[in-house]
Amino acid sequence: MGHSKIVAAAFAGILFASGQAAAENLVYSGVATTSDDYALGVLWSNALAEAGSKTRMTVVENGTVSGIRKVAQGEVDIVGIGAPNYLDAVEGTAQFEKDPPRLREAYKDMRVILSIPTGMAQYVARADSGIHTFRDLDGKSVGIGRPGGNAGRVSEILFDLHGLGKVNAQRLEYGAALDQMAAGSMDATLVWGGIPMPAIDNASRGTALRFISPDPKTQQAFRETVTNGQYYVYQEVSADVLKQAYDGRIAVDGPVYFWTFPFQIMVRGDVDEQTVYDLTKALWTNIDRIREQSIALSLISLDTALEGLSGQIHPGAERYYREIGKLD
């Protein structure tokens, strides 16, 4: 999987009403440097620093599958992971089918801090490739995400559901895929993120692009096929929203559908209650400033923080939510 890229470094500590908490050096693993959960981790660590926290948070990039495995192995403390992906890990399904029992037991011990709105799986093609619908990907070269990642598995399921005979699916990071599209050696790629997505925006300035999407009529079959499919949805985004987000540079043929799911921030179960309480409080105390940093993060809300969870809430987070009246 390569080495984790440490981007945001440690910060120092907070004095709490219950006394001084023991210093903690926590590692927070985001999906990618451009993902919403990664941005949240960086801003969260800044909030801890500015509050004078004894808890230090280092933010790294690992992807979903590698990130949760690193939690189970004790290399990472906090991770962003989709609700269905977490169940796959616990149940030993999908990419986690070959994980040993010791990892699955460690997954079961993880606990949730909050749920956040996150990005979507967006498919974008070269406008000159003749691709207007998902079925037009037949026989084309398509980037489907990093090796071993969930996006590639889901994309291949969608190819089958749309009856595609053969797709030259390439497992590589979407940055590299967009570069290949610019060079004319790739027709389309999946990109994970919010709207507007900076990587897509930058690519559209040099290459004519078009958004494509799965046929919305396949959603039920998709949810019945993918593991823990009850958590997956096709999110509809209007042509007007996409045109506005990208200043009309990217072609759209009506509403576009991107697949996504609830996303939760999870912590190792053995991180002590007071530390997680303080982490949770620091986040929500500074949420207005965090929301100001991006459109995607502006959607984080206490009203939806506990929706769509597939794991148990950490006792420290639970104590904070009860304290502010979000849990009975």
C-alpha atoms as a PDB file:
ATOM      1  CA  MET A   1       0.000   0.000   0.000  1.00  0.00           C
ATOM      2  CA  GLY A   2       3.006   2.337   0.249  1.00  0.00           C
ATOM      3  CA  HIS A   3       4.015   4.510   3.149  1.00  0.00           C
ATOM      4  CA  SER A   4       1.527   6.723   4.937  1.00  0.00           C
ATOM      5  CA  LYS A   5       2.039  10.379   4.169  1.00  0.00           C
ATOM      6  CA  ILE A   6       2.102  12.421   7.371  1.00  0.00           C
ATOM      7  CA  VAL A   7       0.754  15.850   6.536  1.00  0.00           C
ATOM      8  CA  ALA A   8      -0.513  17.528   9.680  1.00  0.00           C
ATOM      9  CA  ALA A   9       1.743  17.253  12.702  1.00  0.00           C
ATOM     10  CA  ALA A  10       1.311  17.134  16.428  1.00  0.00           C
ATOM     11  CA  PHE A  11      -0.235  19.750  18.572  1.00  0.00           C
ATOM     12  CA  ALA A  12      -0.318  20.342  22.312  1.00  0.00           C
ATOM     13  CA  GLY A  13      -2.941  19.939  25.022  1.00  0.00           C
ATOM     14  CA  ILE A  14      -6.153  21.043  26.797  1.00  0.00           C
ATOM     15  CA  LEU A  15      -7.112  21.636  30.423  1.00  0.00           C
ATOM     16  CA  PHE A  16     -10.435  20.064  31.218  1.00  0.00           C
ATOM     17  CA  ALA A  17     -13.032  20.685  33.894  1.00  0.00           C
ATOM     18  CA  SER A  18     -12.325  17.265  35.371  1.00  0.00           C
ATOM     19  CA  GLY A  19      -8.618  18.034  35.691  1.00  0.00           C
ATOM     20  CA  GLN A  20      -5.718  17.481  33.327  1.00  0.00           C
ATOM     21  CA  ALA A  21      -6.121  14.507  31.028  1.00  0.00           C
ATOM     22  CA  ALA A  22      -3.099  12.363  30.338  1.00  0.00           C
ATOM     23  CA  ALA A  23      -1.227  13.380  27.202  1.00  0.00           C
ATOM     24  CA  GLU A  24      -2.250  11.385  24.135  1.00  0.00           C
ATOM     25  CA  ASN A  25      -0.495  11.198  20.769  1.00  0.00           C
ATOM     26  CA  LEU A  26      -3.210  10.075  18.389  1.00  0.00           C
ATOM     27  CA  VAL A  27      -2.882   9.226  14.709  1.00  0.00           C
ATOM     28  CA  TYR A  28      -5.899  10.075  12.540  1.00  0.00           C
ATOM     29  CA  SER A  29      -6.159   8.272   9.192  1.00  0.00           C
ATOM     30  CA  GLY A  30      -8.108   9.882   6.342  1.00  0.00           C
ATOM     31  CA  VAL A  31      -9.037   8.357   3.009  1.00  0.00           C
ATOM     32  CA  ALA A  32      -6.982  10.771   0.881  1.00  0.00           C
ATOM     33  CA  THR A  33      -5.475  14.231   1.160  1.00  0.00           C
ATOM     34  CA  THR A  34      -8.384  15.603  -0.889  1.00  0.00           C
ATOM     35  CA  SER A  35     -11.136  13.781   1.055  1.00  0.00           C
ATOM     36  CA  ASP A  36     -13.567  15.501   3.407  1.00  0.00           C
ATOM     37  CA  ASP A  37     -12.633  13.299   6.357  1.00  0.00           C
ATOM     38  CA  TYR A  38      -8.953  14.146   5.894  1.00  0.00           C
ATOM     39  CA  ALA A  39      -9.715  17.883   5.872  1.00  0.00           C
ATOM     40  CA  LEU A  40     -11.787  17.400   9.013  1.00  0.00           C
ATOM     41  CA  GLY A  41      -8.848  15.697  10.732  1.00  0.00           C
ATOM     42  CA  VAL A  42      -6.493  18.571   9.943  1.00  0.00           C
ATOM     43  CA  LEU A  43      -8.943  21.199  11.205  1.00  0.00           C
ATOM     44  CA  TRP A  44      -9.772  19.091  14.253  1.00  0.00           C
ATOM     45  CA  SER A  45      -6.084  18.881  15.158  1.00  0.00           C
ATOM     46  CA  ASN A  46      -5.808  22.641  14.756  1.00  0.00           C
ATOM     47  CA  ALA A  47      -8.772  23.094  17.102  1.00  0.00           C
ATOM     48  CA  LEU A  48      -7.033  20.948  19.705  1.00  0.00           C
ATOM     49  CA  ALA A  49      -3.852  22.988  19.347  1.00  0.00           C
ATOM     50  CA  GLU A  50      -5.609  26.307  19.676  1.00  0.00           C
ATOM     51  CA  ALA A  51      -7.475  25.048  22.745  1.00  0.00           C
ATOM     52  CA  GLY A  52      -4.144  24.156  24.373  1.00  0.00           C
ATOM     53  CA  SER A  53      -4.890  20.443  24.292  1.00  0.00           C
ATOM     54  CA  LYS A  54      -2.600  17.795  25.686  1.00  0.00           C
ATOM     55  CA  THR A  55      -3.995  15.514  23.030  1.00  0.00           C
ATOM     56  CA  ARG A  56      -1.867  15.569  19.899  1.00  0.00           C
ATOM     57  CA  MET A  57      -3.274  14.495  16.570  1.00  0.00           C
ATOM     58  CA  THR A  58      -1.222  13.549  13.520  1.00  0.00           C
ATOM     59  CA  VAL A  59      -3.150  13.218  10.249  1.00  0.00           C
ATOM     60  CA  VAL A  60      -2.133  10.628   7.653  1.00  0.00           C
ATOM     61  CA  GLU A  61      -3.489   9.275   4.360  1.00  0.00           C
ATOM     62  CA  ASN A  62      -4.191   5.541   4.046  1.00  0.00           C
ATOM     63  CA  GLY A  63      -7.407   4.922   2.155  1.00  0.00           C
ATOM     64  CA  THR A  64     -10.350   3.051   3.672  1.00  0.00           C
ATOM     65  CA  VAL A  65      -9.195  -0.570   3.739  1.00  0.00           C
ATOM     66  CA  SER A  66      -5.600   0.065   4.753  1.00  0.00           C
ATOM     67  CA  GLY A  67      -6.693   2.669   7.299  1.00  0.00           C
ATOM     68  CA  ILE A  68      -8.931   0.364   9.317  1.00  0.00           C
ATOM     69  CA  ARG A  69      -6.362  -2.431   9.180  1.00  0.00           C
ATOM     70  CA  LYS A  70      -3.808  -0.060  10.657  1.00  0.00           C
ATOM     71  CA  VAL A  71      -6.241   0.705  13.485  1.00  0.00           C
ATOM     72  CA  ALA A  72      -6.572  -3.021  14.174  1.00  0.00           C
ATOM     73  CA  GLN A  73      -2.781  -3.355  14.192  1.00  0.00           C
ATOM     74  CA  GLY A  74      -2.331  -0.443  16.594  1.00  0.00           C
ATOM     75  CA  GLU A  75      -0.615   1.849  14.079  1.00  0.00           C
ATOM     76  CA  VAL A  76      -3.554   4.282  13.859  1.00  0.00           C
ATOM     77  CA  ASP A  77      -6.039   5.481  16.487  1.00  0.00           C
ATOM     78  CA  ILE A  78      -8.819   7.232  14.527  1.00  0.00           C
ATOM     79  CA  VAL A  79     -10.076   6.427  11.035  1.00  0.00           C
ATOM     80  CA  GLY A  80     -12.699   7.592   8.582  1.00  0.00           C
ATOM     81  CA  ILE A  81     -14.637   4.658   7.123  1.00  0.00           C
ATOM     82  CA  GLY A  82     -17.966   4.130   5.412  1.00  0.00           C
ATOM     83  CA  ALA A  83     -20.738   2.473   7.397  1.00  0.00           C
ATOM     84  CA  PRO A  84     -20.945  -0.522   4.998  1.00  0.00           C
ATOM     85  CA  ASN A  85     -17.154  -0.873   4.849  1.00  0.00           C
ATOM     86  CA  TYR A  86     -16.978  -1.169   8.626  1.00  0.00           C
ATOM     87  CA  LEU A  87     -19.525  -4.013   8.577  1.00  0.00           C
ATOM     88  CA  ASP A  88     -17.544  -5.693   5.783  1.00  0.00           C
ATOM     89  CA  ALA A  89     -14.480  -5.575   8.058  1.00  0.00           C
ATOM     90  CA  VAL A  90     -16.324  -6.997  11.075  1.00  0.00           C
ATOM     91  CA  GLU A  91     -18.058  -9.707   9.017  1.00  0.00           C
ATOM     92  CA  GLY A  92     -14.990 -10.629   6.953  1.00  0.00           C
ATOM     93  CA  THR A  93     -16.641  -9.864   3.623  1.00  0.00           C
ATOM     94  CA  ALA A  94     -15.595  -7.989   0.441  1.00  0.00           C
ATOM     95  CA  GLN A  95     -11.943  -6.839   0.669  1.00  0.00           C
ATOM     96  CA  PHE A  96     -11.721  -8.125   4.244  1.00  0.00           C
ATOM     97  CA  GLU A  97     -12.550 -11.729   3.381  1.00  0.00           C
ATOM     98  CA  LYS A  98      -8.976 -12.922   3.938  1.00  0.00           C
ATOM     99  CA  ASP A  99      -8.295 -10.919   7.086  1.00  0.00           C
ATOM    100  CA  PRO A 100      -7.303 -13.132  10.034  1.00  0.00           C
ATOM    101  CA  PRO A 101      -9.611 -13.495  13.053  1.00  0.00           C
ATOM    102  CA  ARG A 102      -7.380 -11.292  15.231  1.00  0.00           C
ATOM    103  CA  LEU A 103      -8.037  -8.341  12.925  1.00  0.00           C
ATOM    104  CA  ARG A 104     -11.787  -8.946  12.873  1.00  0.00           C
ATOM    105  CA  GLU A 105     -11.811  -9.038  16.677  1.00  0.00           C
ATOM    106  CA  ALA A 106      -9.952  -5.733  16.727  1.00  0.00           C
ATOM    107  CA  TYR A 107     -12.464  -4.229  14.288  1.00  0.00           C
ATOM    108  CA  LYS A 108     -15.293  -5.207  16.647  1.00  0.00           C
ATOM    109  CA  ASP A 109     -13.651  -3.209  19.438  1.00  0.00           C
ATOM    110  CA  MET A 110     -13.717   0.042  17.439  1.00  0.00           C
ATOM    111  CA  ARG A 111     -16.229   2.726  18.386  1.00  0.00           C
ATOM    112  CA  VAL A 112     -17.860   5.687  16.626  1.00  0.00           C
ATOM    113  CA  ILE A 113     -17.323   9.365  17.456  1.00  0.00           C
ATOM    114  CA  LEU A 114     -19.629  10.845  14.805  1.00  0.00           C
ATOM    115  CA  SER A 115     -21.061  10.467  11.309  1.00  0.00           C
ATOM    116  CA  ILE A 116     -20.309  13.069   8.653  1.00  0.00           C
ATOM    117  CA  PRO A 117     -21.602  13.836   5.163  1.00  0.00           C
ATOM    118  CA  THR A 118     -18.785  12.892   2.845  1.00  0.00           C
ATOM    119  CA  GLY A 119     -17.836  12.678  -0.785  1.00  0.00           C
ATOM    120  CA  MET A 120     -19.324  10.673  -3.599  1.00  0.00           C
ATOM    121  CA  ALA A 121     -17.976   8.351  -6.269  1.00  0.00           C
ATOM    122  CA  GLN A 122     -18.032  10.514  -9.383  1.00  0.00           C
ATOM    123  CA  TYR A 123     -17.351   9.169 -12.875  1.00  0.00           C
ATOM    124  CA  VAL A 124     -15.904  11.581 -15.393  1.00  0.00           C
ATOM    125  CA  ALA A 125     -14.951  10.869 -19.033  1.00  0.00           C
ATOM    126  CA  ARG A 126     -13.127  12.677 -21.795  1.00  0.00           C
ATOM    127  CA  ALA A 127     -15.761  14.589 -23.768  1.00  0.00           C
ATOM    128  CA  ASP A 128     -14.235  13.352 -27.043  1.00  0.00           C
ATOM    129  CA  SER A 129     -14.319   9.678 -25.999  1.00  0.00           C
ATOM    130  CA  GLY A 130     -17.903   9.082 -27.179  1.00  0.00           C
ATOM    131  CA  ILE A 131     -18.953   8.212 -23.624  1.00  0.00           C
ATOM    132  CA  HIS A 132     -22.344   9.685 -22.690  1.00  0.00           C
ATOM    133  CA  THR A 133     -23.780   6.917 -20.478  1.00  0.00           C
ATOM    134  CA  PHE A 134     -22.384   4.301 -18.111  1.00  0.00           C
ATOM    135  CA  ARG A 135     -22.977   1.599 -20.709  1.00  0.00           C
ATOM    136  CA  ASP A 136     -20.694   3.481 -23.099  1.00  0.00           C
ATOM    137  CA  LEU A 137     -17.774   2.456 -20.864  1.00  0.00           C
ATOM    138  CA  ASP A 138     -17.845  -0.948 -22.589  1.00  0.00           C
ATOM    139  CA  GLY A 139     -14.447  -1.549 -24.183  1.00  0.00           C
ATOM    140  CA  LYS A 140     -12.983   1.641 -22.696  1.00  0.00           C
ATOM    141  CA  SER A 141     -10.048   2.272 -20.362  1.00  0.00           C
ATOM    142  CA  VAL A 142     -11.359   3.367 -16.952  1.00  0.00           C
ATOM    143  CA  GLY A 143      -9.593   4.269 -13.704  1.00  0.00           C
ATOM    144  CA  ILE A 144     -11.347   2.683 -10.715  1.00  0.00           C
ATOM    145  CA  GLY A 145      -9.282   3.811  -7.719  1.00  0.00           C
ATOM    146  CA  ARG A 146      -6.286   2.680  -5.719  1.00  0.00           C
ATOM    147  CA  PRO A 147      -5.317  -1.030  -5.649  1.00  0.00           C
ATOM    148  CA  GLY A 148      -7.255  -2.927  -2.995  1.00  0.00           C
ATOM    149  CA  GLY A 149      -9.709  -0.088  -2.445  1.00  0.00           C
ATOM    150  CA  ASN A 150     -13.482  -0.312  -2.107  1.00  0.00           C
ATOM    151  CA  ALA A 151     -14.122   1.948  -5.127  1.00  0.00           C
ATOM    152  CA  GLY A 152     -12.648  -0.590  -7.531  1.00  0.00           C
ATOM    153  CA  ARG A 153     -14.757  -3.423  -6.144  1.00  0.00           C
ATOM    154  CA  VAL A 154     -17.949  -1.358  -6.368  1.00  0.00           C
ATOM    155  CA  SER A 155     -17.118  -0.134  -9.878  1.00  0.00           C
ATOM    156  CA  GLU A 156     -16.690  -3.692 -11.116  1.00  0.00           C
ATOM    157  CA  ILE A 157     -20.083  -4.616  -9.629  1.00  0.00           C
ATOM    158  CA  LEU A 158     -21.615  -1.686 -11.513  1.00  0.00           C
ATOM    159  CA  PHE A 159     -19.951  -2.753 -14.759  1.00  0.00           C
ATOM    160  CA  ASP A 160     -21.585  -6.173 -14.401  1.00  0.00           C
ATOM    161  CA  LEU A 161     -25.004  -4.713 -13.536  1.00  0.00           C
ATOM    162  CA  HIS A 162     -24.896  -2.574 -16.675  1.00  0.00           C
ATOM    163  CA  GLY A 163     -24.041  -5.571 -18.831  1.00  0.00           C
ATOM    164  CA  LEU A 164     -20.619  -4.349 -19.903  1.00  0.00           C
ATOM    165  CA  GLY A 165     -18.757  -7.061 -21.778  1.00  0.00           C
ATOM    166  CA  LYS A 166     -15.249  -5.819 -21.155  1.00  0.00           C
ATOM    167  CA  VAL A 167     -13.843  -2.739 -19.462  1.00  0.00           C
ATOM    168  CA  ASN A 168     -10.119  -2.104 -19.295  1.00  0.00           C
ATOM    169  CA  ALA A 169     -10.307  -1.293 -15.572  1.00  0.00           C
ATOM    170  CA  GLN A 170      -7.150   0.289 -14.184  1.00  0.00           C
ATOM    171  CA  ARG A 171      -6.553   0.282 -10.424  1.00  0.00           C
ATOM    172  CA  LEU A 172      -4.675   3.485  -9.775  1.00  0.00           C
ATOM    173  CA  GLU A 173      -5.056   6.735  -7.869  1.00  0.00           C
ATOM    174  CA  TYR A 174      -7.421   9.157  -9.566  1.00  0.00           C
ATOM    175  CA  GLY A 175      -4.716  11.824  -9.856  1.00  0.00           C
ATOM    176  CA  ALA A 176      -2.698   9.507 -12.074  1.00  0.00           C
ATOM    177  CA  ALA A 177      -5.864   8.522 -13.968  1.00  0.00           C
ATOM    178  CA  LEU A 178      -6.723  12.169 -14.676  1.00  0.00           C
ATOM    179  CA  ASP A 179      -3.163  12.694 -15.917  1.00  0.00           C
ATOM    180  CA  GLN A 180      -3.569   9.755 -18.295  1.00  0.00           C
ATOM    181  CA  MET A 181      -6.870  11.178 -19.497  1.00  0.00           C
ATOM    182  CA  ALA A 182      -5.141  14.474 -20.218  1.00  0.00           C
ATOM    183  CA  ALA A 183      -2.524  12.561 -22.213  1.00  0.00           C
ATOM    184  CA  GLY A 184      -5.238  10.723 -24.157  1.00  0.00           C
ATOM    185  CA  SER A 185      -4.307   7.255 -22.876  1.00  0.00           C
ATOM    186  CA  MET A 186      -7.374   6.776 -20.643  1.00  0.00           C
ATOM    187  CA  ASP A 187     -11.044   7.384 -21.403  1.00  0.00           C
ATOM    188  CA  ALA A 188     -12.643   7.841 -17.972  1.00  0.00           C
ATOM    189  CA  THR A 189     -12.062   7.558 -14.261  1.00  0.00           C
ATOM    190  CA  LEU A 190     -13.774   7.422 -10.907  1.00  0.00           C
ATOM    191  CA  VAL A 191     -12.933  10.294  -8.563  1.00  0.00           C
ATOM    192  CA  TRP A 192     -14.022  10.359  -4.922  1.00  0.00           C
ATOM    193  CA  GLY A 193     -14.897  13.696  -3.361  1.00  0.00           C
ATOM    194  CA  GLY A 194     -17.371  16.488  -2.854  1.00  0.00           C
ATOM    195  CA  ILE A 195     -18.651  19.150  -5.240  1.00  0.00           C
ATOM    196  CA  PRO A 196     -16.771  20.977  -6.536  1.00  0.00           C
ATOM    197  CA  MET A 197     -13.948  18.460  -6.522  1.00  0.00           C
ATOM    198  CA  PRO A 198     -10.600  20.335  -6.935  1.00  0.00           C
ATOM    199  CA  ALA A 199      -8.911  17.570  -8.944  1.00  0.00           C
ATOM    200  CA  ILE A 200     -11.797  17.456 -11.427  1.00  0.00           C
ATOM    201  CA  ASP A 201     -11.927  21.239 -11.562  1.00  0.00           C
ATOM    202  CA  ASN A 202      -8.224  21.456 -12.366  1.00  0.00           C
ATOM    203  CA  ALA A 203      -8.438  18.687 -14.976  1.00  0.00           C
ATOM    204  CA  SER A 204     -11.365  20.393 -16.708  1.00  0.00           C
ATOM    205  CA  ARG A 205      -9.240  23.467 -17.395  1.00  0.00           C
ATOM    206  CA  GLY A 206      -7.027  21.513 -19.771  1.00  0.00           C
ATOM    207  CA  THR A 207      -9.231  18.634 -20.930  1.00  0.00           C
ATOM    208  CA  ALA A 208     -12.861  18.681 -22.076  1.00  0.00           C
ATOM    209  CA  LEU A 209     -14.757  16.393 -19.673  1.00  0.00           C
ATOM    210  CA  ARG A 210     -18.233  14.958 -19.219  1.00  0.00           C
ATOM    211  CA  PHE A 211     -19.954  13.569 -16.102  1.00  0.00           C
ATOM    212  CA  ILE A 212     -21.567  10.163 -16.496  1.00  0.00           C
ATOM    213  CA  SER A 213     -23.461   8.079 -13.988  1.00  0.00           C
ATOM    214  CA  PRO A 214     -24.948   4.664 -13.292  1.00  0.00           C
ATOM    215  CA  ASP A 215     -28.470   4.158 -14.601  1.00  0.00           C
ATOM    216  CA  PRO A 216     -30.729   5.095 -11.638  1.00  0.00           C
ATOM    217  CA  LYS A 217     -32.924   2.096 -12.511  1.00  0.00           C
ATOM    218  CA  THR A 218     -30.077  -0.167 -11.336  1.00  0.00           C
ATOM    219  CA  GLN A 219     -30.034   1.189  -7.771  1.00  0.00           C
ATOM    220  CA  GLN A 220     -32.127  -1.595  -6.204  1.00  0.00           C
ATOM    221  CA  ALA A 221     -30.139  -4.336  -7.949  1.00  0.00           C
ATOM    222  CA  PHE A 222     -26.941  -2.571  -6.897  1.00  0.00           C
ATOM    223  CA  ARG A 223     -27.989  -2.468  -3.252  1.00  0.00           C
ATOM    224  CA  GLU A 224     -28.927  -6.152  -3.401  1.00  0.00           C
ATOM    225  CA  THR A 225     -25.566  -7.097  -4.928  1.00  0.00           C
ATOM    226  CA  VAL A 226     -22.977  -5.098  -3.005  1.00  0.00           C
ATOM    227  CA  THR A 227     -22.252  -6.283   0.547  1.00  0.00           C
ATOM    228  CA  ASN A 228     -24.139  -4.300   3.199  1.00  0.00           C
ATOM    229  CA  GLY A 229     -25.917  -2.581   0.340  1.00  0.00           C
ATOM    230  CA  GLN A 230     -28.609  -1.125   2.618  1.00  0.00           C
ATOM    231  CA  TYR A 231     -26.157   1.693   3.330  1.00  0.00           C
ATOM    232  CA  TYR A 232     -25.508   2.582  -0.332  1.00  0.00           C
ATOM    233  CA  VAL A 233     -27.480   5.164  -2.306  1.00  0.00           C
ATOM    234  CA  TYR A 234     -27.340   6.864  -5.675  1.00  0.00           C
ATOM    235  CA  GLN A 235     -27.132  10.566  -4.868  1.00  0.00           C
ATOM    236  CA  GLU A 236     -28.790  12.715  -7.541  1.00  0.00           C
ATOM    237  CA  VAL A 237     -27.049  15.980  -8.435  1.00  0.00           C
ATOM    238  CA  SER A 238     -28.759  18.365 -10.830  1.00  0.00           C
ATOM    239  CA  ALA A 239     -27.150  19.588 -14.023  1.00  0.00           C
ATOM    240  CA  ASP A 240     -27.540  23.174 -12.781  1.00  0.00           C
ATOM    241  CA  VAL A 241     -25.559  22.470  -9.603  1.00  0.00           C
ATOM    242  CA  LEU A 242     -22.733  20.849 -11.575  1.00  0.00           C
ATOM    243  CA  LYS A 243     -22.638  23.621 -14.167  1.00  0.00           C
ATOM    244  CA  GLN A 244     -22.449  26.228 -11.429  1.00  0.00           C
ATOM    245  CA  ALA A 245     -19.781  24.324  -9.489  1.00  0.00           C
ATOM    246  CA  TYR A 246     -17.498  24.060 -12.532  1.00  0.00           C
ATOM    247  CA  ASP A 247     -18.414  27.276 -14.333  1.00  0.00           C
ATOM    248  CA  GLY A 248     -19.974  25.275 -17.153  1.00  0.00           C
ATOM    249  CA  ARG A 249     -16.667  23.701 -18.186  1.00  0.00           C
ATOM    250  CA  ILE A 250     -17.836  20.085 -17.745  1.00  0.00           C
ATOM    251  CA  ALA A 251     -20.565  18.648 -19.974  1.00  0.00           C
ATOM    252  CA  VAL A 252     -23.626  17.081 -18.360  1.00  0.00           C
ATOM    253  CA  ASP A 253     -26.620  15.407 -20.010  1.00  0.00           C
ATOM    254  CA  GLY A 254     -29.246  16.029 -17.352  1.00  0.00           C
ATOM    255  CA  PRO A 255     -29.139  14.927 -13.685  1.00  0.00           C
ATOM    256  CA  VAL A 256     -26.100  12.898 -12.653  1.00  0.00           C
ATOM    257  CA  TYR A 257     -26.041  10.091 -10.072  1.00  0.00           C
ATOM    258  CA  PHE A 258     -23.055   9.348  -7.829  1.00  0.00           C
ATOM    259  CA  TRP A 259     -22.938   6.443  -5.389  1.00  0.00           C
ATOM    260  CA  THR A 260     -22.190   7.106  -1.745  1.00  0.00           C
ATOM    261  CA  PHE A 261     -22.950   5.977   1.816  1.00  0.00           C
ATOM    262  CA  PRO A 262     -22.937   7.279   5.420  1.00  0.00           C
ATOM    263  CA  PHE A 263     -19.421   7.892   6.659  1.00  0.00           C
ATOM    264  CA  GLN A 264     -18.308   7.574  10.247  1.00  0.00           C
ATOM    265  CA  ILE A 265     -15.255   8.658  12.220  1.00  0.00           C
ATOM    266  CA  MET A 266     -14.167   5.757  14.433  1.00  0.00           C
ATOM    267  CA  VAL A 267     -11.634   5.342  17.217  1.00  0.00           C
ATOM    268  CA  ARG A 268      -9.911   2.379  18.809  1.00  0.00           C
ATOM    269  CA  GLY A 269     -12.092   1.073  21.614  1.00  0.00           C
ATOM    270  CA  ASP A 270      -9.225   1.170  24.111  1.00  0.00           C
ATOM    271  CA  VAL A 271      -8.699   4.940  23.812  1.00  0.00           C
ATOM    272  CA  ASP A 272      -9.862   6.118  27.225  1.00  0.00           C
ATOM    273  CA  GLU A 273     -13.262   7.698  27.813  1.00  0.00           C
ATOM    274  CA  GLN A 274     -11.955  11.085  28.961  1.00  0.00           C
ATOM    275  CA  THR A 275      -9.731  11.516  25.899  1.00  0.00           C
ATOM    276  CA  VAL A 276     -12.584  10.760  23.482  1.00  0.00           C
ATOM    277  CA  TYR A 277     -14.952  13.000  25.460  1.00  0.00           C
ATOM    278  CA  ASP A 278     -12.444  15.835  25.150  1.00  0.00           C
ATOM    279  CA  LEU A 279     -11.906  15.129  21.448  1.00  0.00           C
ATOM    280  CA  THR A 280     -15.638  15.192  20.810  1.00  0.00           C
ATOM    281  CA  LYS A 281     -16.128  18.384  22.810  1.00  0.00           C
ATOM    282  CA  ALA A 282     -13.231  20.126  21.041  1.00  0.00           C
ATOM    283  CA  LEU A 283     -14.757  19.273  17.660  1.00  0.00           C
ATOM    284  CA  TRP A 284     -18.259  20.528  18.364  1.00  0.00           C
ATOM    285  CA  THR A 285     -17.093  23.584  20.306  1.00  0.00           C
ATOM    286  CA  ASN A 286     -15.189  24.703  17.207  1.00  0.00           C
ATOM    287  CA  ILE A 287     -17.599  23.417  14.563  1.00  0.00           C
ATOM    288  CA  ASP A 288     -18.589  26.864  13.251  1.00  0.00           C
ATOM    289  CA  ARG A 289     -14.980  27.662  12.361  1.00  0.00           C
ATOM    290  CA  ILE A 290     -14.496  24.211  10.854  1.00  0.00           C
ATOM    291  CA  ARG A 291     -17.627  24.599   8.713  1.00  0.00           C
ATOM    292  CA  GLU A 292     -16.270  27.841   7.264  1.00  0.00           C
ATOM    293  CA  GLN A 293     -13.319  26.040   5.664  1.00  0.00           C
ATOM    294  CA  SER A 294     -15.188  24.224   2.869  1.00  0.00           C
ATOM    295  CA  ILE A 295     -18.587  23.564   1.335  1.00  0.00           C
ATOM    296  CA  ALA A 296     -18.371  19.875   2.222  1.00  0.00           C
ATOM    297  CA  LEU A 297     -17.508  20.474   5.871  1.00  0.00           C
ATOM    298  CA  SER A 298     -20.263  23.067   6.150  1.00  0.00           C
ATOM    299  CA  LEU A 299     -22.732  20.148   6.023  1.00  0.00           C
ATOM    300  CA  ILE A 300     -21.481  18.602   9.291  1.00  0.00           C
ATOM    301  CA  SER A 301     -24.240  18.916  11.861  1.00  0.00           C
ATOM    302  CA  LEU A 302     -25.125  17.667  15.331  1.00  0.00           C
ATOM    303  CA  ASP A 303     -28.551  16.861  13.917  1.00  0.00           C
ATOM    304  CA  THR A 304     -27.079  14.127  11.682  1.00  0.00           C
ATOM    305  CA  ALA A 305     -23.954  13.207  13.683  1.00  0.00           C
ATOM    306  CA  LEU A 306     -25.494   9.953  14.936  1.00  0.00           C
ATOM    307  CA  GLU A 307     -27.411   8.911  11.803  1.00  0.00           C
ATOM    308  CA  GLY A 308     -26.618   5.854   9.689  1.00  0.00           C
ATOM    309  CA  LEU A 309     -24.126   4.362  12.136  1.00  0.00           C
ATOM    310  CA  SER A 310     -23.063   0.728  11.726  1.00  0.00           C
ATOM    311  CA  GLY A 311     -20.949   0.673  14.887  1.00  0.00           C
ATOM    312  CA  GLN A 312     -21.374   1.457  18.572  1.00  0.00           C
ATOM    313  CA  ILE A 313     -20.723   4.941  19.948  1.00  0.00           C
ATOM    314  CA  HIS A 314     -17.612   5.331  22.098  1.00  0.00           C
ATOM    315  CA  PRO A 315     -18.502   5.920  25.789  1.00  0.00           C
ATOM    316  CA  GLY A 316     -16.572   9.206  25.787  1.00  0.00           C
ATOM    317  CA  ALA A 317     -18.493  10.531  22.789  1.00  0.00           C
ATOM    318  CA  GLU A 318     -21.737   9.166  24.216  1.00  0.00           C
ATOM    319  CA  ARG A 319     -21.149  11.064  27.456  1.00  0.00           C
ATOM    320  CA  TYR A 320     -20.723  14.326  25.551  1.00  0.00           C
ATOM    321  CA  TYR A 321     -23.845  13.781  23.434  1.00  0.00           C
ATOM    322  CA  ARG A 322     -25.890  13.008  26.552  1.00  0.00           C
ATOM    323  CA  GLU A 323     -24.501  16.091  28.245  1.00  0.00           C
ATOM    324  CA  ILE A 324     -25.738  18.366  25.461  1.00  0.00           C
ATOM    325  CA  GLY A 325     -29.076  16.570  25.120  1.00  0.00           C
ATOM    326  CA  LYS A 326     -28.485  14.707  21.854  1.00  0.00           C
ATOM    327  CA  LEU A 327     -28.986  11.339  23.516  1.00  0.00           C
ATOM    328  CA  ASP A 328     -31.530  10.413  26.192  1.00  0.00           C
END
